[in-house]
Amino acid sequence: MINYKHLHYFHAVATHGTVARAAEHLHVSAQAISMQLQVLEDQLGEELFKKKGRVLELTEAGKTVLRYAEQIFDLGNELEQAVRRGGFTEEETLRVGICDMIAKTMAFRLLQPAREAGLAMRLICREGRFEDLMVDLTAHKLDLVISDQGLPTGGTIRGYTHLLGSSTLTVLGHPDLCRAWPGEFPQRLKGAPFLLPGQDAAIHSQLGSWFETHGLRPIVVGEFDDGALLKSFARAGTGFMVVPTVLSEIVGAENELEAVGMIDSIVEQFYAVSVERREHHPAVRRILEKAGQVFGRTA
């Protein structure tokens, strides 16, 4: 029977290119790794590496073993998550990370289907920066992260990105501010005070380009990583702000803001990121299945 540790050592060598680097990464001796690799090759009856200069390159058999090894590690992660969240008990626990710039109303609407399913579930939410939440996700401290960005292609984090939906943007402003900057949209925003999402937000740079394209050059009076704080300043009439169009009516009503126009050339996307290859958690499945309803699509 193949030993899990053998695959672990094999994966380390395949990733780092040499036995020495793998040994340094795993904090074991190079001799120990070489011995385990030899055992694995003897069991499989195939050579898994061939020398190419100073590094080891996978053989065709090695490439096949690597694919299976990664699937086995994925299943191991899923098993660990199931045990950590108490999958064998009557009550499920769902740990969700929510990026700072995701509107609380949006997060609530995306998470609510899990509660409506009648599941005996405890919901734990943590808010933070995308990079910090990804660290907790890979450490299995979170089951899911809701964000305005997905995992970058070719990144170091192995995970799965699910597109939940997308929305154009609507500009909102305090009634007094709207009266002070009248006219046709978007030219009425020329030189107007504006509140921007922080630079970590996916739409930050897109808004800058949109302003330039229309020659608006607004006065940026603040940039905010915290969406709730941004809305507080907008509610006080400090500047205009943007929200996803699908939330514009409710955000406007809650904060006594008026819509002045829609930016249909910018589409904000919302994602769920997980490290599970398959979504076994019933609450996660429910969230993914019902997300379309939040964005006006049928399930």
Protein backbone atom coordinates (compact mmCIF):
# COMPACT_ATOMS: atom_id res chain seq x y z
CA MET A 1 0.00 0.00 0.00
CA ILE A 2 1.27 3.48 -0.88
CA ASN A 3 2.31 5.51 2.14
CA TYR A 4 0.88 9.05 2.45
CA LYS A 5 4.31 10.28 3.59
CA HIS A 6 5.91 8.88 0.44
CA LEU A 7 3.55 10.98 -1.67
CA HIS A 8 4.22 14.00 0.53
CA TYR A 9 7.97 13.74 -0.03
CA PHE A 10 7.47 13.06 -3.74
CA HIS A 11 5.24 16.15 -4.06
CA ALA A 12 7.84 18.30 -2.30
CA VAL A 13 10.58 17.22 -4.71
CA ALA A 14 8.29 17.72 -7.72
CA THR A 15 7.45 21.22 -6.48
CA HIS A 16 10.94 22.38 -5.49
CA GLY A 17 12.94 20.64 -8.23
CA THR A 18 15.68 19.10 -6.07
CA VAL A 19 15.91 16.78 -3.09
CA ALA A 20 17.99 19.35 -1.22
CA ARG A 21 15.38 22.10 -1.56
CA ALA A 22 12.58 19.73 -0.62
CA ALA A 23 14.53 18.60 2.43
CA GLU A 24 15.08 22.20 3.49
CA HIS A 25 11.38 22.96 3.06
CA LEU A 26 10.25 19.90 5.03
CA HIS A 27 13.02 20.20 7.66
CA VAL A 28 14.21 16.64 7.14
CA SER A 29 17.44 15.19 5.77
CA ALA A 30 18.00 14.78 2.05
CA GLN A 31 18.89 11.14 2.69
CA ALA A 32 15.48 10.51 4.27
CA ILE A 33 13.69 11.94 1.23
CA SER A 34 15.86 9.96 -1.21
CA MET A 35 15.12 6.72 0.66
CA GLN A 36 11.35 7.38 0.68
CA LEU A 37 11.39 8.19 -3.03
CA GLN A 38 13.22 4.96 -3.76
CA VAL A 39 10.62 3.00 -1.80
CA LEU A 40 7.80 4.69 -3.74
CA GLU A 41 9.46 3.99 -7.10
CA ASP A 42 10.02 0.35 -6.11
CA GLN A 43 6.34 0.02 -5.15
CA LEU A 44 5.15 1.52 -8.42
CA GLY A 45 7.79 -0.14 -10.56
CA GLU A 46 8.52 3.13 -12.38
CA GLU A 47 11.08 5.90 -12.25
CA LEU A 48 9.37 9.14 -11.27
CA PHE A 49 12.21 11.61 -11.93
CA LYS A 50 15.01 12.08 -14.42
CA LYS A 51 17.97 14.41 -14.01
CA LYS A 52 18.08 17.53 -16.15
CA GLY A 53 21.13 19.58 -15.27
CA ARG A 54 21.01 20.32 -11.56
CA VAL A 55 17.29 19.70 -11.14
CA LEU A 56 15.00 16.69 -11.23
CA GLU A 57 12.33 16.59 -13.90
CA LEU A 58 9.20 14.43 -13.76
CA THR A 59 8.95 11.44 -16.06
CA GLU A 60 5.61 10.69 -17.71
CA ALA A 61 4.89 8.27 -14.87
CA GLY A 62 5.88 10.98 -12.40
CA LYS A 63 3.42 13.43 -13.96
CA THR A 64 0.64 10.89 -13.55
CA VAL A 65 1.58 10.25 -9.93
CA LEU A 66 1.65 14.00 -9.27
CA ARG A 67 -1.91 14.43 -10.58
CA TYR A 68 -3.18 11.63 -8.35
CA ALA A 69 -1.17 12.89 -5.38
CA GLU A 70 -2.78 16.34 -5.63
CA GLN A 71 -6.24 14.75 -5.72
CA ILE A 72 -5.36 12.66 -2.66
CA PHE A 73 -4.17 15.77 -0.81
CA ASP A 74 -7.42 17.54 -1.74
CA LEU A 75 -9.42 14.68 -0.26
CA GLY A 76 -7.23 14.77 2.83
CA ASN A 77 -7.97 18.48 3.22
CA GLU A 78 -11.69 17.83 2.86
CA LEU A 79 -11.52 15.11 5.52
CA GLU A 80 -9.68 17.48 7.87
CA GLN A 81 -12.25 20.21 7.29
CA ALA A 82 -15.16 17.83 7.89
CA VAL A 83 -13.69 16.73 11.22
CA ARG A 84 -12.78 20.28 12.30
CA ARG A 85 -16.24 21.62 11.62
CA GLY A 86 -17.88 18.69 13.37
CA GLY A 87 -19.34 17.05 10.31
CA PHE A 88 -20.21 13.98 12.39
CA THR A 89 -22.43 15.93 14.80
CA GLU A 90 -26.01 17.12 14.35
CA GLU A 91 -25.01 20.80 14.17
CA GLU A 92 -22.95 22.11 11.25
CA THR A 93 -20.58 25.06 11.60
CA LEU A 94 -19.92 27.31 8.62
CA ARG A 95 -16.90 29.61 8.86
CA VAL A 96 -17.01 32.38 6.26
CA GLY A 97 -14.47 35.10 5.52
CA ILE A 98 -15.89 38.30 4.02
CA CYS A 99 -13.61 40.81 2.30
CA ASP A 100 -13.71 44.34 3.72
CA MET A 101 -15.18 45.95 0.64
CA ILE A 102 -18.10 43.54 0.25
CA ALA A 103 -21.27 45.37 1.25
CA LYS A 104 -22.83 43.92 4.39
CA THR A 105 -26.18 43.78 2.58
CA MET A 106 -24.59 41.74 -0.21
CA ALA A 107 -22.93 39.36 2.25
CA PHE A 108 -26.22 38.88 4.10
CA ARG A 109 -28.14 38.13 0.92
CA LEU A 110 -25.55 35.60 -0.24
CA LEU A 111 -25.40 33.84 3.14
CA GLN A 112 -29.12 33.91 3.93
CA PRO A 113 -30.05 30.87 1.75
CA ALA A 114 -27.94 28.67 4.03
CA ARG A 115 -30.04 29.78 7.00
CA GLU A 116 -33.32 29.37 5.13
CA ALA A 117 -32.52 25.73 4.35
CA GLY A 118 -33.54 24.74 7.87
CA LEU A 119 -30.08 23.45 8.67
CA ALA A 120 -28.93 23.15 12.28
CA MET A 121 -26.01 25.42 11.55
CA ARG A 122 -23.84 27.86 13.44
CA LEU A 123 -22.54 30.67 11.25
CA ILE A 124 -19.18 32.27 12.06
CA CYS A 125 -18.15 35.31 9.98
CA ARG A 126 -14.79 37.02 9.89
CA GLU A 127 -14.08 40.23 7.98
CA GLY A 128 -10.66 41.17 6.63
CA ARG A 129 -8.35 41.73 3.68
CA PHE A 130 -8.39 39.20 0.85
CA GLU A 131 -4.76 38.13 1.43
CA ASP A 132 -5.31 37.58 5.16
CA LEU A 133 -8.50 35.60 4.59
CA MET A 134 -6.72 33.40 2.04
CA VAL A 135 -4.14 32.49 4.69
CA ASP A 136 -6.90 31.37 7.04
CA LEU A 137 -8.66 29.52 4.22
CA THR A 138 -5.59 27.48 3.32
CA ALA A 139 -5.06 26.76 7.04
CA HIS A 140 -8.63 25.38 7.11
CA LYS A 141 -9.76 28.02 9.61
CA LEU A 142 -12.40 29.08 7.09
CA ASP A 143 -14.71 27.06 4.85
CA LEU A 144 -15.41 29.81 2.35
CA VAL A 145 -14.35 33.36 1.46
CA ILE A 146 -16.71 35.83 -0.23
CA SER A 147 -14.77 38.41 -2.20
CA ASP A 148 -14.76 40.79 -5.15
CA GLN A 149 -11.82 38.89 -6.63
CA GLY A 150 -10.92 35.27 -7.27
CA LEU A 151 -7.65 33.40 -6.92
CA PRO A 152 -5.04 34.61 -9.43
CA THR A 153 -4.07 32.19 -12.18
CA GLY A 154 -0.76 30.49 -11.44
CA GLY A 155 -0.68 31.68 -7.84
CA THR A 156 0.83 29.81 -4.92
CA ILE A 157 -2.54 29.16 -3.25
CA ARG A 158 -4.34 26.08 -4.48
CA GLY A 159 -8.08 26.54 -4.34
CA TYR A 160 -11.29 26.87 -6.29
CA THR A 161 -13.03 30.08 -7.38
CA HIS A 162 -16.79 30.14 -7.93
CA LEU A 163 -18.38 33.14 -9.66
CA LEU A 164 -21.52 34.02 -7.69
CA GLY A 165 -22.73 36.86 -9.89
CA SER A 166 -22.01 40.32 -11.22
CA SER A 167 -23.54 43.78 -11.26
CA THR A 168 -23.07 47.18 -12.86
CA LEU A 169 -22.48 50.18 -10.57
CA THR A 170 -24.83 52.97 -9.51
CA VAL A 171 -23.68 56.34 -8.18
CA LEU A 172 -25.46 57.53 -5.03
CA GLY A 173 -25.31 60.84 -3.20
CA HIS A 174 -26.93 62.76 -0.36
CA PRO A 175 -29.93 64.84 -1.57
CA ASP A 176 -28.12 68.10 -0.71
CA LEU A 177 -25.09 66.96 -2.67
CA CYS A 178 -27.24 65.99 -5.65
CA ARG A 179 -28.82 69.46 -5.69
CA ALA A 180 -25.39 71.10 -5.49
CA TRP A 181 -24.18 69.11 -8.53
CA PRO A 182 -27.10 69.09 -10.99
CA GLY A 183 -27.13 68.24 -14.67
CA GLU A 184 -26.83 65.25 -16.96
CA PHE A 185 -25.02 62.12 -15.86
CA PRO A 186 -22.10 61.58 -15.88
CA GLN A 187 -20.95 65.16 -16.62
CA ARG A 188 -22.64 66.40 -13.44
CA LEU A 189 -19.86 64.62 -11.52
CA LYS A 190 -17.14 66.82 -13.05
CA GLY A 191 -15.09 68.21 -10.15
CA ALA A 192 -17.53 66.72 -7.63
CA PRO A 193 -16.41 65.27 -4.28
CA PHE A 194 -16.14 61.49 -4.44
CA LEU A 195 -15.63 58.67 -1.95
CA LEU A 196 -13.69 55.74 -3.39
CA PRO A 197 -13.29 52.14 -2.27
CA GLY A 198 -9.73 51.33 -1.16
CA GLN A 199 -7.00 50.30 -3.57
CA ASP A 200 -7.50 46.62 -2.71
CA ALA A 201 -11.01 46.78 -4.20
CA ALA A 202 -11.22 45.25 -7.66
CA ILE A 203 -13.14 48.24 -9.05
CA HIS A 204 -10.77 50.93 -7.71
CA SER A 205 -8.60 51.21 -10.82
CA GLN A 206 -11.60 50.77 -13.12
CA LEU A 207 -13.28 53.79 -11.58
CA GLY A 208 -10.13 55.85 -12.11
CA SER A 209 -10.10 54.90 -15.80
CA TRP A 210 -13.81 55.70 -16.13
CA PHE A 211 -13.28 59.17 -14.64
CA GLU A 212 -10.43 59.81 -17.08
CA THR A 213 -12.40 58.56 -20.08
CA HIS A 214 -15.24 61.01 -19.36
CA GLY A 215 -12.94 63.86 -18.33
CA LEU A 216 -14.61 64.14 -14.92
CA ARG A 217 -11.60 64.54 -12.62
CA PRO A 218 -13.61 64.44 -9.38
CA ILE A 219 -12.16 65.55 -6.05
CA VAL A 220 -11.35 62.34 -4.18
CA VAL A 221 -12.03 63.30 -0.58
CA GLY A 222 -11.43 59.82 0.82
CA GLU A 223 -10.56 56.19 0.09
CA PHE A 224 -11.92 53.49 2.38
CA ASP A 225 -11.11 49.82 2.88
CA ASP A 226 -14.20 49.54 5.08
CA GLY A 227 -17.42 49.76 3.09
CA ALA A 228 -19.54 50.58 6.14
CA LEU A 229 -17.35 53.58 6.98
CA LEU A 230 -17.51 54.76 3.36
CA LYS A 231 -21.33 54.71 3.53
CA SER A 232 -21.26 56.70 6.78
CA PHE A 233 -19.35 59.50 5.05
CA ALA A 234 -21.72 59.37 2.07
CA ARG A 235 -24.70 59.57 4.41
CA ALA A 236 -23.19 62.75 5.89
CA GLY A 237 -23.02 64.31 2.41
CA THR A 238 -19.22 64.24 2.16
CA GLY A 239 -19.16 62.87 -1.38
CA PHE A 240 -20.74 60.63 -3.99
CA MET A 241 -20.18 56.87 -3.85
CA VAL A 242 -20.80 53.79 -5.98
CA VAL A 243 -22.65 50.63 -5.05
CA PRO A 244 -23.59 47.49 -7.02
CA THR A 245 -26.76 48.31 -8.95
CA VAL A 246 -28.50 45.24 -7.55
CA LEU A 247 -28.20 46.85 -4.09
CA SER A 248 -28.72 50.49 -5.05
CA GLU A 249 -32.36 50.73 -3.96
CA ILE A 250 -31.87 49.18 -0.54
CA VAL A 251 -28.56 50.99 0.16
CA GLY A 252 -30.11 54.26 -0.95
CA ALA A 253 -33.14 53.78 1.31
CA GLU A 254 -31.07 52.70 4.31
CA ASN A 255 -28.70 55.67 4.04
CA GLU A 256 -31.08 58.34 2.65
CA LEU A 257 -29.12 58.61 -0.59
CA GLU A 258 -30.35 59.27 -4.11
CA ALA A 259 -29.27 57.55 -7.33
CA VAL A 260 -27.77 59.94 -9.89
CA GLY A 261 -26.80 57.49 -12.63
CA MET A 262 -25.55 54.04 -13.56
CA ILE A 263 -22.06 53.08 -14.75
CA ASP A 264 -22.83 50.20 -17.08
CA SER A 265 -19.29 49.97 -18.46
CA ILE A 266 -17.96 48.67 -15.12
CA VAL A 267 -19.15 45.30 -13.89
CA GLU A 268 -18.31 44.28 -10.34
CA GLN A 269 -18.01 40.53 -9.84
CA PHE A 270 -18.49 38.56 -6.66
CA TYR A 271 -16.84 35.25 -5.89
CA ALA A 272 -16.80 32.44 -3.38
CA VAL A 273 -13.35 30.88 -2.87
CA SER A 274 -12.82 27.49 -1.24
CA VAL A 275 -10.09 24.88 -0.97
CA GLU A 276 -12.45 21.97 -1.41
CA ARG A 277 -12.51 20.21 -4.73
CA ARG A 278 -16.17 19.30 -4.22
CA GLU A 279 -18.65 21.23 -2.11
CA HIS A 280 -19.73 18.68 0.51
CA HIS A 281 -20.78 21.25 3.10
CA PRO A 282 -24.58 21.53 2.71
CA ALA A 283 -24.59 25.23 3.60
CA VAL A 284 -21.89 26.01 1.00
CA ARG A 285 -23.82 24.10 -1.66
CA ARG A 286 -26.92 26.08 -0.79
CA ILE A 287 -25.06 29.41 -1.09
CA LEU A 288 -23.63 28.51 -4.51
CA GLU A 289 -26.95 27.19 -5.81
CA LYS A 290 -29.00 30.22 -4.74
CA ALA A 291 -26.50 33.02 -5.52
CA GLY A 292 -28.11 33.67 -8.90
CA GLN A 293 -31.31 34.86 -7.23
CA VAL A 294 -29.38 37.68 -5.53
CA PHE A 295 -28.34 38.99 -8.95
CA GLY A 296 -31.69 38.56 -10.61
CA ARG A 297 -30.95 35.26 -12.30
CA THR A 298 -33.07 32.14 -11.95
CA ALA A 299 -31.56 29.29 -9.93
